[in-house]
PDB file of N, CA and C in Angstrom:
ATOM      1  N   MET A   1       1.660  -8.521  22.577  1.00  0.00           N
ATOM      2  CA  MET A   1       0.970  -7.522  21.988  1.00  0.00           C
ATOM      3  C   MET A   1      -0.639  -7.953  21.340  1.00  0.00           C
ATOM      4  N   SER A   2      -1.527  -7.005  21.646  1.00  0.00           N
ATOM      5  CA  SER A   2      -2.848  -7.559  21.228  1.00  0.00           C
ATOM      6  C   SER A   2      -2.785  -7.514  19.692  1.00  0.00           C
ATOM      7  N   GLU A   3      -3.870  -8.233  19.239  1.00  0.00           N
ATOM      8  CA  GLU A   3      -4.285  -8.442  17.875  1.00  0.00           C
ATOM      9  C   GLU A   3      -4.722  -6.868  17.477  1.00  0.00           C
ATOM     10  N   GLY A   4      -5.403  -6.378  18.396  1.00  0.00           N
ATOM     11  CA  GLY A   4      -5.847  -5.040  18.055  1.00  0.00           C
ATOM     12  C   GLY A   4      -4.783  -3.865  17.904  1.00  0.00           C
ATOM     13  N   SER A   5      -3.633  -4.014  18.748  1.00  0.00           N
ATOM     14  CA  SER A   5      -2.330  -3.299  18.295  1.00  0.00           C
ATOM     15  C   SER A   5      -1.837  -3.491  16.953  1.00  0.00           C
ATOM     16  N   HIS A   6      -1.999  -5.068  16.804  1.00  0.00           N
ATOM     17  CA  HIS A   6      -1.225  -5.076  15.193  1.00  0.00           C
ATOM     18  C   HIS A   6      -2.165  -4.349  14.152  1.00  0.00           C
ATOM     19  N   ALA A   7      -3.471  -4.870  14.227  1.00  0.00           N
ATOM     20  CA  ALA A   7      -4.301  -4.014  13.259  1.00  0.00           C
ATOM     21  C   ALA A   7      -3.963  -2.748  13.051  1.00  0.00           C
ATOM     22  N   LYS A   8      -4.015  -1.892  14.324  1.00  0.00           N
ATOM     23  CA  LYS A   8      -3.603  -0.545  14.200  1.00  0.00           C
ATOM     24  C   LYS A   8      -2.328  -0.089  13.398  1.00  0.00           C
ATOM     25  N   ALA A   9      -1.334  -1.006  13.970  1.00  0.00           N
ATOM     26  CA  ALA A   9       0.044  -0.846  12.939  1.00  0.00           C
ATOM     27  C   ALA A   9      -0.115  -0.968  11.481  1.00  0.00           C
ATOM     28  N   LEU A  10      -1.003  -1.994  11.388  1.00  0.00           N
ATOM     29  CA  LEU A  10      -1.664  -2.229   9.848  1.00  0.00           C
ATOM     30  C   LEU A  10      -1.942  -1.100   9.124  1.00  0.00           C
ATOM     31  N   VAL A  11      -2.971  -0.533   9.838  1.00  0.00           N
ATOM     32  CA  VAL A  11      -3.675   0.469   9.393  1.00  0.00           C
ATOM     33  C   VAL A  11      -2.831   1.745   8.885  1.00  0.00           C
ATOM     34  N   ALA A  12      -2.097   1.829  10.175  1.00  0.00           N
ATOM     35  CA  ALA A  12      -0.795   3.050  10.098  1.00  0.00           C
ATOM     36  C   ALA A  12      -0.145   2.954   8.627  1.00  0.00           C
ATOM     37  N   LEU A  13       0.400   1.643   8.359  1.00  0.00           N
ATOM     38  CA  LEU A  13       0.922   0.906   7.202  1.00  0.00           C
ATOM     39  C   LEU A  13       0.434   1.716   5.971  1.00  0.00           C
ATOM     40  N   LEU A  14      -1.148   1.180   5.702  1.00  0.00           N
ATOM     41  CA  LEU A  14      -1.933   1.443   4.675  1.00  0.00           C
ATOM     42  C   LEU A  14      -2.040   2.608   4.488  1.00  0.00           C
ATOM     43  N   SER A  15      -1.922   3.488   5.642  1.00  0.00           N
ATOM     44  CA  SER A  15      -2.207   4.932   5.481  1.00  0.00           C
ATOM     45  C   SER A  15      -0.731   5.736   5.067  1.00  0.00           C
ATOM     46  N   PHE A  16       0.269   4.989   5.267  1.00  0.00           N
ATOM     47  CA  PHE A  16       1.755   5.431   5.442  1.00  0.00           C
ATOM     48  C   PHE A  16       1.634   6.627   6.366  1.00  0.00           C
ATOM     49  N   GLU A  17       1.155   6.570   7.661  1.00  0.00           N
ATOM     50  CA  GLU A  17       0.960   7.695   8.458  1.00  0.00           C
ATOM     51  C   GLU A  17       2.657   8.118   9.069  1.00  0.00           C
ATOM     52  N   GLN A  18       3.694   7.289   9.375  1.00  0.00           N
ATOM     53  CA  GLN A  18       4.824   7.279   9.667  1.00  0.00           C
ATOM     54  C   GLN A  18       5.875   6.978   8.473  1.00  0.00           C
ATOM     55  N   PRO A  19       6.853   7.452   9.144  1.00  0.00           N
ATOM     56  CA  PRO A  19       8.203   6.807   8.099  1.00  0.00           C
ATOM     57  C   PRO A  19       8.436   4.946   8.361  1.00  0.00           C
ATOM     58  N   LEU A  20       8.334   4.870   7.031  1.00  0.00           N
ATOM     59  CA  LEU A  20       8.468   3.313   6.931  1.00  0.00           C
ATOM     60  C   LEU A  20       9.310   2.533   7.764  1.00  0.00           C
ATOM     61  N   HIS A  21      10.544   2.771   7.857  1.00  0.00           N
ATOM     62  CA  HIS A  21      11.292   2.268   9.146  1.00  0.00           C
ATOM     63  C   HIS A  21      10.578   2.069  10.358  1.00  0.00           C
ATOM     64  N   ASP A  22       9.898   3.164  10.827  1.00  0.00           N
ATOM     65  CA  ASP A  22       9.073   3.160  12.002  1.00  0.00           C
ATOM     66  C   ASP A  22       8.064   2.214  12.210  1.00  0.00           C
ATOM     67  N   LEU A  23       7.450   1.957  10.808  1.00  0.00           N
ATOM     68  CA  LEU A  23       6.199   1.199  10.817  1.00  0.00           C
ATOM     69  C   LEU A  23       6.553  -0.076  10.838  1.00  0.00           C
ATOM     70  N   LEU A  24       7.919  -0.568  10.171  1.00  0.00           N
ATOM     71  CA  LEU A  24       8.324  -1.929  10.248  1.00  0.00           C
ATOM     72  C   LEU A  24       8.674  -2.275  11.403  1.00  0.00           C
ATOM     73  N   ARG A  25       9.371  -1.524  12.368  1.00  0.00           N
ATOM     74  CA  ARG A  25      10.188  -1.749  13.654  1.00  0.00           C
ATOM     75  C   ARG A  25       8.373  -2.271  14.640  1.00  0.00           C
ATOM     76  N   GLN A  26       7.425  -1.339  14.314  1.00  0.00           N
ATOM     77  CA  GLN A  26       6.120  -1.866  15.152  1.00  0.00           C
ATOM     78  C   GLN A  26       5.634  -3.362  14.392  1.00  0.00           C
ATOM     79  N   LEU A  27       5.776  -3.274  13.411  1.00  0.00           N
ATOM     80  CA  LEU A  27       5.169  -4.680  12.603  1.00  0.00           C
ATOM     81  C   LEU A  27       5.983  -5.920  12.821  1.00  0.00           C
ATOM     82  N   ARG A  28       7.088  -5.712  13.024  1.00  0.00           N
ATOM     83  CA  ARG A  28       7.950  -6.864  13.702  1.00  0.00           C
ATOM     84  C   ARG A  28       8.020  -7.632  14.897  1.00  0.00           C
ATOM     85  N   SER A  29       7.261  -6.620  16.069  1.00  0.00           N
ATOM     86  CA  SER A  29       7.064  -6.958  17.107  1.00  0.00           C
ATOM     87  C   SER A  29       5.777  -7.918  17.240  1.00  0.00           C
ATOM     88  N   PHE A  30       5.302  -8.121  16.210  1.00  0.00           N
ATOM     89  CA  PHE A  30       3.998  -8.920  16.126  1.00  0.00           C
ATOM     90  C   PHE A  30       4.121 -10.245  15.507  1.00  0.00           C
ATOM     91  N   PRO A  31       3.632 -11.254  16.041  1.00  0.00           N
ATOM     92  CA  PRO A  31       3.871 -12.379  15.428  1.00  0.00           C
ATOM     93  C   PRO A  31       3.098 -12.799  14.009  1.00  0.00           C
ATOM     94  N   ASP A  32       3.120 -13.482  13.029  1.00  0.00           N
ATOM     95  CA  ASP A  32       2.586 -13.606  11.944  1.00  0.00           C
ATOM     96  C   ASP A  32       1.241 -13.942  12.359  1.00  0.00           C
ATOM     97  N   ALA A  33       0.191 -13.020  11.707  1.00  0.00           N
ATOM     98  CA  ALA A  33      -1.105 -13.483  11.824  1.00  0.00           C
ATOM     99  C   ALA A  33      -1.670 -14.706  11.330  1.00  0.00           C
ATOM    100  N   ASP A  34      -2.814 -14.971  11.622  1.00  0.00           N
ATOM    101  CA  ASP A  34      -3.222 -16.146  11.287  1.00  0.00           C
ATOM    102  C   ASP A  34      -4.368 -15.853   9.911  1.00  0.00           C
ATOM    103  N   ALA A  35      -4.941 -14.758  10.024  1.00  0.00           N
ATOM    104  CA  ALA A  35      -6.019 -14.248   9.225  1.00  0.00           C
ATOM    105  C   ALA A  35      -5.545 -12.659   8.822  1.00  0.00           C
ATOM    106  N   GLU A  36      -6.276 -12.360   7.726  1.00  0.00           N
ATOM    107  CA  GLU A  36      -6.079 -10.974   7.374  1.00  0.00           C
ATOM    108  C   GLU A  36      -6.739  -9.856   8.409  1.00  0.00           C
ATOM    109  N   LEU A  37      -6.279  -9.148   9.117  1.00  0.00           N
ATOM    110  CA  LEU A  37      -6.435  -8.219  10.086  1.00  0.00           C
ATOM    111  C   LEU A  37      -6.921  -7.011   9.570  1.00  0.00           C
ATOM    112  N   VAL A  38      -6.701  -6.719   8.185  1.00  0.00           N
ATOM    113  CA  VAL A  38      -7.025  -5.048   7.551  1.00  0.00           C
ATOM    114  C   VAL A  38      -7.088  -5.377   6.324  1.00  0.00           C
ATOM    115  N   THR A  39      -7.886  -4.615   5.743  1.00  0.00           N
ATOM    116  CA  THR A  39      -8.198  -4.589   4.414  1.00  0.00           C
ATOM    117  C   THR A  39      -7.693  -3.312   3.540  1.00  0.00           C
ATOM    118  N   LEU A  40      -6.920  -3.330   2.628  1.00  0.00           N
ATOM    119  CA  LEU A  40      -6.245  -2.435   1.466  1.00  0.00           C
ATOM    120  C   LEU A  40      -7.676  -2.060   0.725  1.00  0.00           C
ATOM    121  N   GLN A  41      -8.078  -0.738   1.131  1.00  0.00           N
ATOM    122  CA  GLN A  41      -8.839  -0.179   0.261  1.00  0.00           C
ATOM    123  C   GLN A  41      -8.547   0.656  -1.153  1.00  0.00           C
ATOM    124  N   ALA A  42      -9.285   1.143  -1.947  1.00  0.00           N
ATOM    125  CA  ALA A  42      -8.964   1.727  -3.213  1.00  0.00           C
ATOM    126  C   ALA A  42      -8.457   3.400  -2.505  1.00  0.00           C
ATOM    127  N   SER A  43      -9.219   3.746  -1.547  1.00  0.00           N
ATOM    128  CA  SER A  43      -9.023   5.071  -0.946  1.00  0.00           C
ATOM    129  C   SER A  43      -7.565   5.179  -0.368  1.00  0.00           C
ATOM    130  N   HIS A  44      -6.716   3.851   0.133  1.00  0.00           N
ATOM    131  CA  HIS A  44      -5.663   4.159   0.600  1.00  0.00           C
ATOM    132  C   HIS A  44      -4.527   4.588  -0.526  1.00  0.00           C
ATOM    133  N   LEU A  45      -4.639   3.590  -1.684  1.00  0.00           N
ATOM    134  CA  LEU A  45      -4.035   3.773  -2.614  1.00  0.00           C
ATOM    135  C   LEU A  45      -4.077   5.138  -3.569  1.00  0.00           C
ATOM    136  N   GLN A  46      -5.127   5.478  -3.386  1.00  0.00           N
ATOM    137  CA  GLN A  46      -5.488   7.024  -4.241  1.00  0.00           C
ATOM    138  C   GLN A  46      -4.841   7.919  -3.357  1.00  0.00           C
ATOM    139  N   SER A  47      -4.917   7.925  -2.258  1.00  0.00           N
ATOM    140  CA  SER A  47      -4.372   8.846  -1.099  1.00  0.00           C
ATOM    141  C   SER A  47      -2.789   8.840  -1.101  1.00  0.00           C
ATOM    142  N   ILE A  48      -2.242   7.844  -1.404  1.00  0.00           N
ATOM    143  CA  ILE A  48      -0.692   7.743  -1.394  1.00  0.00           C
ATOM    144  C   ILE A  48      -0.389   7.718  -2.506  1.00  0.00           C
ATOM    145  N   LEU A  49      -0.765   7.833  -3.906  1.00  0.00           N
ATOM    146  CA  LEU A  49      -0.505   8.242  -5.036  1.00  0.00           C
ATOM    147  C   LEU A  49      -0.548   9.621  -5.151  1.00  0.00           C
ATOM    148  N   ASN A  50      -1.622  10.357  -4.700  1.00  0.00           N
ATOM    149  CA  ASN A  50      -1.877  11.641  -4.586  1.00  0.00           C
ATOM    150  C   ASN A  50      -0.811  12.328  -3.879  1.00  0.00           C
ATOM    151  N   ARG A  51      -0.308  11.696  -2.597  1.00  0.00           N
ATOM    152  CA  ARG A  51       0.923  12.329  -2.051  1.00  0.00           C
ATOM    153  C   ARG A  51       2.065  12.337  -2.804  1.00  0.00           C
ATOM    154  N   PHE A  52       2.180  11.361  -3.543  1.00  0.00           N
ATOM    155  CA  PHE A  52       3.356  10.997  -4.577  1.00  0.00           C
ATOM    156  C   PHE A  52       3.255  12.141  -5.279  1.00  0.00           C
ATOM    157  N   LEU A  53       2.173  12.461  -6.225  1.00  0.00           N
ATOM    158  CA  LEU A  53       2.343  13.626  -6.829  1.00  0.00           C
ATOM    159  C   LEU A  53       2.366  15.089  -6.748  1.00  0.00           C
ATOM    160  N   ALA A  54       1.847  15.170  -5.080  1.00  0.00           N
ATOM    161  CA  ALA A  54       2.361  16.381  -4.420  1.00  0.00           C
ATOM    162  C   ALA A  54       3.242  16.527  -4.118  1.00  0.00           C
ATOM    163  N   GLY A  55       4.295  15.812  -3.969  1.00  0.00           N
ATOM    164  CA  GLY A  55       5.740  15.722  -3.878  1.00  0.00           C
ATOM    165  C   GLY A  55       5.987  15.463  -2.051  1.00  0.00           C
ATOM    166  N   GLU A  56       4.767  14.829  -1.808  1.00  0.00           N
ATOM    167  CA  GLU A  56       5.213  14.519  -0.047  1.00  0.00           C
ATOM    168  C   GLU A  56       5.970  12.742  -0.067  1.00  0.00           C
ATOM    169  N   LEU A  57       5.748  12.215  -1.284  1.00  0.00           N
ATOM    170  CA  LEU A  57       6.277  10.936  -1.288  1.00  0.00           C
ATOM    171  C   LEU A  57       7.263  10.673  -2.350  1.00  0.00           C
ATOM    172  N   THR A  58       8.526   9.754  -2.108  1.00  0.00           N
ATOM    173  CA  THR A  58       9.172   9.781  -3.546  1.00  0.00           C
ATOM    174  C   THR A  58       8.946   8.470  -4.036  1.00  0.00           C
ATOM    175  N   SER A  59       9.339   8.362  -5.260  1.00  0.00           N
ATOM    176  CA  SER A  59       9.435   6.657  -5.776  1.00  0.00           C
ATOM    177  C   SER A  59       9.672   5.769  -4.946  1.00  0.00           C
ATOM    178  N   LEU A  60      10.927   6.090  -4.316  1.00  0.00           N
ATOM    179  CA  LEU A  60      11.520   4.944  -3.593  1.00  0.00           C
ATOM    180  C   LEU A  60      10.708   4.465  -2.467  1.00  0.00           C
ATOM    181  N   ASP A  61       9.982   5.681  -1.595  1.00  0.00           N
ATOM    182  CA  ASP A  61       8.999   5.688  -0.725  1.00  0.00           C
ATOM    183  C   ASP A  61       7.657   4.814  -1.295  1.00  0.00           C
ATOM    184  N   LEU A  62       7.183   4.993  -2.511  1.00  0.00           N
ATOM    185  CA  LEU A  62       6.331   4.189  -2.757  1.00  0.00           C
ATOM    186  C   LEU A  62       6.449   2.613  -3.214  1.00  0.00           C
ATOM    187  N   GLU A  63       7.943   2.461  -3.503  1.00  0.00           N
ATOM    188  CA  GLU A  63       8.333   1.153  -4.334  1.00  0.00           C
ATOM    189  C   GLU A  63       8.449   0.173  -2.692  1.00  0.00           C
ATOM    190  N   ASN A  64       9.059   1.106  -1.701  1.00  0.00           N
ATOM    191  CA  ASN A  64       9.365   0.406  -0.431  1.00  0.00           C
ATOM    192  C   ASN A  64       8.113   0.035   0.441  1.00  0.00           C
ATOM    193  N   TRP A  65       7.026   1.121   0.221  1.00  0.00           N
ATOM    194  CA  TRP A  65       5.779   0.705   0.926  1.00  0.00           C
ATOM    195  C   TRP A  65       5.121  -0.376   0.107  1.00  0.00           C
ATOM    196  N   ALA A  66       4.931  -0.427  -1.099  1.00  0.00           N
ATOM    197  CA  ALA A  66       4.223  -1.412  -1.823  1.00  0.00           C
ATOM    198  C   ALA A  66       4.876  -2.722  -1.814  1.00  0.00           C
ATOM    199  N   ASP A  67       6.203  -2.727  -1.362  1.00  0.00           N
ATOM    200  CA  ASP A  67       7.022  -3.844  -1.595  1.00  0.00           C
ATOM    201  C   ASP A  67       6.431  -4.768  -0.066  1.00  0.00           C
ATOM    202  N   VAL A  68       6.321  -3.787   1.263  1.00  0.00           N
ATOM    203  CA  VAL A  68       6.000  -4.155   2.350  1.00  0.00           C
ATOM    204  C   VAL A  68       4.683  -4.719   2.296  1.00  0.00           C
ATOM    205  N   VAL A  69       3.546  -3.941   1.880  1.00  0.00           N
ATOM    206  CA  VAL A  69       2.288  -4.254   1.675  1.00  0.00           C
ATOM    207  C   VAL A  69       1.823  -5.399   0.911  1.00  0.00           C
ATOM    208  N   GLU A  70       2.988  -5.709  -0.170  1.00  0.00           N
ATOM    209  CA  GLU A  70       2.697  -7.098  -1.056  1.00  0.00           C
ATOM    210  C   GLU A  70       3.169  -8.259  -0.126  1.00  0.00           C
ATOM    211  N   ALA A  71       4.153  -8.068   0.497  1.00  0.00           N
ATOM    212  CA  ALA A  71       4.580  -8.942   1.651  1.00  0.00           C
ATOM    213  C   ALA A  71       3.638  -9.545   2.992  1.00  0.00           C
ATOM    214  N   CYS A  72       2.941  -8.479   3.082  1.00  0.00           N
ATOM    215  CA  CYS A  72       2.171  -8.713   4.630  1.00  0.00           C
ATOM    216  C   CYS A  72       0.963  -9.812   4.299  1.00  0.00           C
ATOM    217  N   ASP A  73       0.925 -11.065   4.744  1.00  0.00           N
ATOM    218  CA  ASP A  73      -0.111 -11.644   4.554  1.00  0.00           C
ATOM    219  C   ASP A  73      -1.490 -11.340   5.486  1.00  0.00           C
ATOM    220  N   ASP A  74      -1.254 -10.245   6.225  1.00  0.00           N
ATOM    221  CA  ASP A  74      -2.475 -10.169   7.103  1.00  0.00           C
ATOM    222  C   ASP A  74      -2.990  -8.821   6.705  1.00  0.00           C
ATOM    223  N   ILE A  75      -2.847  -8.556   5.377  1.00  0.00           N
ATOM    224  CA  ILE A  75      -3.324  -7.356   4.751  1.00  0.00           C
ATOM    225  C   ILE A  75      -4.366  -8.009   3.408  1.00  0.00           C
ATOM    226  N   GLY A  76      -5.570  -7.600   3.907  1.00  0.00           N
ATOM    227  CA  GLY A  76      -6.509  -8.148   2.791  1.00  0.00           C
ATOM    228  C   GLY A  76      -6.672  -7.294   1.483  1.00  0.00           C
ATOM    229  N   PHE A  77      -7.006  -7.445   0.378  1.00  0.00           N
ATOM    230  CA  PHE A  77      -7.684  -6.493  -0.382  1.00  0.00           C
ATOM    231  C   PHE A  77      -9.257  -6.310  -0.446  1.00  0.00           C
ATOM    232  N   ASP A  78      -9.652  -5.008  -0.758  1.00  0.00           N
ATOM    233  CA  ASP A  78     -11.187  -4.646  -0.785  1.00  0.00           C
ATOM    234  C   ASP A  78     -11.466  -5.724  -2.194  1.00  0.00           C
ATOM    235  N   PRO A  79     -12.547  -6.509  -1.901  1.00  0.00           N
ATOM    236  CA  PRO A  79     -13.249  -7.565  -2.722  1.00  0.00           C
ATOM    237  C   PRO A  79     -13.480  -6.709  -4.434  1.00  0.00           C
ATOM    238  N   GLU A  80     -14.050  -5.608  -4.112  1.00  0.00           N
ATOM    239  CA  GLU A  80     -14.622  -4.612  -5.036  1.00  0.00           C
ATOM    240  C   GLU A  80     -13.432  -4.256  -6.128  1.00  0.00           C
ATOM    241  N   HIS A  81     -12.373  -4.217  -5.540  1.00  0.00           N
ATOM    242  CA  HIS A  81     -11.315  -3.862  -6.534  1.00  0.00           C
ATOM    243  C   HIS A  81      -9.829  -4.588  -6.427  1.00  0.00           C
ATOM    244  N   ASP A  82     -10.497  -5.847  -5.821  1.00  0.00           N
ATOM    245  CA  ASP A  82      -9.205  -6.733  -5.679  1.00  0.00           C
ATOM    246  C   ASP A  82      -8.157  -6.771  -6.533  1.00  0.00           C
ATOM    247  N   GLU A  83      -8.298  -7.140  -7.971  1.00  0.00           N
ATOM    248  CA  GLU A  83      -7.438  -7.501  -8.771  1.00  0.00           C
ATOM    249  C   GLU A  83      -6.823  -6.058  -9.322  1.00  0.00           C
ATOM    250  N   LEU A  84      -7.357  -4.897  -9.250  1.00  0.00           N
ATOM    251  CA  LEU A  84      -6.699  -3.424  -9.562  1.00  0.00           C
ATOM    252  C   LEU A  84      -5.969  -3.314  -8.360  1.00  0.00           C
ATOM    253  N   LEU A  85      -6.236  -3.462  -7.120  1.00  0.00           N
ATOM    254  CA  LEU A  85      -5.391  -3.186  -6.204  1.00  0.00           C
ATOM    255  C   LEU A  85      -4.053  -4.010  -6.037  1.00  0.00           C
ATOM    256  N   LYS A  86      -4.249  -5.400  -6.290  1.00  0.00           N
ATOM    257  CA  LYS A  86      -3.136  -6.087  -6.484  1.00  0.00           C
ATOM    258  C   LYS A  86      -2.457  -5.851  -7.461  1.00  0.00           C
ATOM    259  N   GLN A  87      -2.788  -5.654  -8.893  1.00  0.00           N
ATOM    260  CA  GLN A  87      -1.921  -5.055  -9.750  1.00  0.00           C
ATOM    261  C   GLN A  87      -0.896  -3.857  -9.513  1.00  0.00           C
ATOM    262  N   THR A  88      -1.404  -2.911  -8.613  1.00  0.00           N
ATOM    263  CA  THR A  88      -1.324  -1.952  -8.670  1.00  0.00           C
ATOM    264  C   THR A  88      -0.048  -1.767  -7.687  1.00  0.00           C
ATOM    265  N   ILE A  89      -0.191  -2.771  -6.424  1.00  0.00           N
ATOM    266  CA  ILE A  89       0.743  -2.925  -5.577  1.00  0.00           C
ATOM    267  C   ILE A  89       1.938  -3.366  -6.420  1.00  0.00           C
ATOM    268  N   PHE A  90       1.614  -4.291  -7.235  1.00  0.00           N
ATOM    269  CA  PHE A  90       2.592  -5.355  -7.924  1.00  0.00           C
ATOM    270  C   PHE A  90       3.541  -4.134  -8.536  1.00  0.00           C
ATOM    271  N   GLU A  91       2.768  -3.257  -9.406  1.00  0.00           N
ATOM    272  CA  GLU A  91       3.722  -2.417 -10.433  1.00  0.00           C
ATOM    273  C   GLU A  91       4.491  -1.573  -9.501  1.00  0.00           C
ATOM    274  N   LEU A  92       3.832  -0.904  -8.394  1.00  0.00           N
ATOM    275  CA  LEU A  92       4.875  -0.056  -7.763  1.00  0.00           C
ATOM    276  C   LEU A  92       5.650  -0.686  -6.993  1.00  0.00           C
ATOM    277  N   ALA A  93       5.564  -2.319  -6.493  1.00  0.00           N
ATOM    278  CA  ALA A  93       6.721  -2.801  -5.990  1.00  0.00           C
ATOM    279  C   ALA A  93       7.601  -3.154  -6.635  1.00  0.00           C
ATOM    280  N   ASN A  94       7.568  -3.255  -8.019  1.00  0.00           N
ATOM    281  CA  ASN A  94       8.308  -3.966  -9.055  1.00  0.00           C
ATOM    282  C   ASN A  94       8.671  -3.031 -10.210  1.00  0.00           C
ATOM    283  N   PRO A  95       9.240  -1.853  -9.882  1.00  0.00           N
ATOM    284  CA  PRO A  95       9.836  -1.043 -11.144  1.00  0.00           C
ATOM    285  C   PRO A  95      10.603  -1.509 -12.144  1.00  0.00           C
ATOM    286  N   ALA A  96      11.284  -2.303 -11.505  1.00  0.00           N
ATOM    287  CA  ALA A  96      12.593  -3.025 -12.376  1.00  0.00           C
ATOM    288  C   ALA A  96      11.951  -3.529 -13.379  1.00  0.00           C
ATOM    289  N   ILE A  97      10.568  -4.245 -13.365  1.00  0.00           N
ATOM    290  CA  ILE A  97       9.822  -5.162 -14.285  1.00  0.00           C
ATOM    291  C   ILE A  97       8.885  -4.508 -15.063  1.00  0.00           C
ATOM    292  N   CYS A  98       8.120  -3.304 -14.307  1.00  0.00           N
ATOM    293  CA  CYS A  98       6.810  -2.747 -14.761  1.00  0.00           C
ATOM    294  C   CYS A  98       7.117  -1.370 -15.126  1.00  0.00           C
ATOM    295  N   GLY A  99       8.181  -0.588 -14.772  1.00  0.00           N
ATOM    296  CA  GLY A  99       8.751   0.635 -15.285  1.00  0.00           C
ATOM    297  C   GLY A  99       8.818   1.705 -14.294  1.00  0.00           C
ATOM    298  N   GLU A 100       9.679   2.472 -14.302  1.00  0.00           N
ATOM    299  CA  GLU A 100       9.630   3.406 -13.252  1.00  0.00           C
ATOM    300  C   GLU A 100       8.690   3.965 -12.968  1.00  0.00           C
ATOM    301  N   ILE A 101       8.516   4.352 -11.288  1.00  0.00           N
ATOM    302  CA  ILE A 101       7.501   5.149 -10.707  1.00  0.00           C
ATOM    303  C   ILE A 101       7.773   6.666 -11.102  1.00  0.00           C
ATOM    304  N   ALA A 102       6.992   6.919 -12.119  1.00  0.00           N
ATOM    305  CA  ALA A 102       6.989   8.654 -12.422  1.00  0.00           C
ATOM    306  C   ALA A 102       5.635   8.965 -12.551  1.00  0.00           C
ATOM    307  N   PRO A 103       5.521  10.396 -12.455  1.00  0.00           N
ATOM    308  CA  PRO A 103       4.318  11.210 -12.349  1.00  0.00           C
ATOM    309  C   PRO A 103       3.292  10.464 -13.505  1.00  0.00           C
ATOM    310  N   PRO A 104       3.704  10.109 -14.893  1.00  0.00           N
ATOM    311  CA  PRO A 104       2.949   9.568 -15.933  1.00  0.00           C
ATOM    312  C   PRO A 104       2.215   8.127 -15.338  1.00  0.00           C
ATOM    313  N   LEU A 105       3.173   7.150 -14.683  1.00  0.00           N
ATOM    314  CA  LEU A 105       2.588   6.130 -14.565  1.00  0.00           C
ATOM    315  C   LEU A 105       1.411   6.245 -13.074  1.00  0.00           C
ATOM    316  N   VAL A 106       1.705   7.163 -12.411  1.00  0.00           N
ATOM    317  CA  VAL A 106       1.084   7.310 -10.976  1.00  0.00           C
ATOM    318  C   VAL A 106      -0.426   7.903 -11.698  1.00  0.00           C
ATOM    319  N   ARG A 107      -0.271   8.631 -12.752  1.00  0.00           N
ATOM    320  CA  ARG A 107      -1.608   9.530 -13.134  1.00  0.00           C
ATOM    321  C   ARG A 107      -2.428   8.349 -13.694  1.00  0.00           C
ATOM    322  N   ARG A 108      -1.935   7.198 -14.511  1.00  0.00           N
ATOM    323  CA  ARG A 108      -2.422   6.280 -14.821  1.00  0.00           C
ATOM    324  C   ARG A 108      -2.953   5.397 -14.093  1.00  0.00           C
ATOM    325  N   LEU A 109      -2.557   5.066 -12.985  1.00  0.00           N
ATOM    326  CA  LEU A 109      -2.675   4.339 -11.902  1.00  0.00           C
ATOM    327  C   LEU A 109      -3.871   4.730 -11.095  1.00  0.00           C
ATOM    328  N   LEU A 110      -4.171   6.188 -10.921  1.00  0.00           N
ATOM    329  CA  LEU A 110      -4.940   6.785 -10.399  1.00  0.00           C
ATOM    330  C   LEU A 110      -6.216   6.946 -11.480  1.00  0.00           C
ATOM    331  N   SER A 111      -6.244   7.058 -12.555  1.00  0.00           N
ATOM    332  CA  SER A 111      -7.399   7.291 -13.748  1.00  0.00           C
ATOM    333  C   SER A 111      -7.975   5.670 -13.607  1.00  0.00           C
ATOM    334  N   GLU A 112      -7.146   4.648 -13.451  1.00  0.00           N
ATOM    335  CA  GLU A 112      -7.609   3.207 -13.188  1.00  0.00           C
ATOM    336  C   GLU A 112      -8.617   3.232 -12.411  1.00  0.00           C
ATOM    337  N   PHE A 113      -8.296   3.939 -10.966  1.00  0.00           N
ATOM    338  CA  PHE A 113      -9.361   3.576 -10.032  1.00  0.00           C
ATOM    339  C   PHE A 113     -10.556   4.714 -10.264  1.00  0.00           C
ATOM    340  N   THR A 114     -10.470   5.648 -10.614  1.00  0.00           N
ATOM    341  CA  THR A 114     -11.470   6.539 -10.960  1.00  0.00           C
ATOM    342  C   THR A 114     -12.611   5.827 -12.098  1.00  0.00           C
ATOM    343  N   GLY A 115     -11.904   5.174 -13.192  1.00  0.00           N
ATOM    344  CA  GLY A 115     -12.679   4.489 -14.090  1.00  0.00           C
ATOM    345  C   GLY A 115     -13.417   3.226 -13.425  1.00  0.00           C
ATOM    346  N   SER A 116     -12.778   2.491 -12.454  1.00  0.00           N
ATOM    347  CA  SER A 116     -13.362   1.417 -11.800  1.00  0.00           C
ATOM    348  C   SER A 116     -14.328   1.550 -10.983  1.00  0.00           C
ATOM    349  N   SER A 117     -14.639   2.969 -10.635  1.00  0.00           N
ATOM    350  CA  SER A 117     -15.405   2.975  -9.459  1.00  0.00           C
ATOM    351  C   SER A 117     -17.001   3.073  -9.886  1.00  0.00           C
ATOM    352  N   GLY A 118     -17.785   2.382  -9.500  1.00  0.00           N
ATOM    353  CA  GLY A 118     -18.923   2.489 -10.008  1.00  0.00           C
ATOM    354  C   GLY A 118     -19.780   1.580 -10.687  1.00  0.00           C
TER     355      GLY A 118
END
């Protein structure tokens, strides 16, 4: 399969366009990339956090999604928000250490992105 198909599957992951098990099945069909193929943007995270607040995603969905994103070496982070993106993914992927994924945490994370833009 092509690098373009791999990147397309990674974009679908960043947007959480499909159930995670479907996305993982697609991603497992590709060899490890030698470089970052896509970039996680603040807008990806903001969209997913807002979907959680709207009841479209559960805390387990967020945790599992962030865990996969954190483990993908072929996903880069937008340099403008690099540290904030990495910290947010870490917090979502590790609720046992960082605290339960609940609306107050998600609202705080969203406000950090709002405060960091500009």
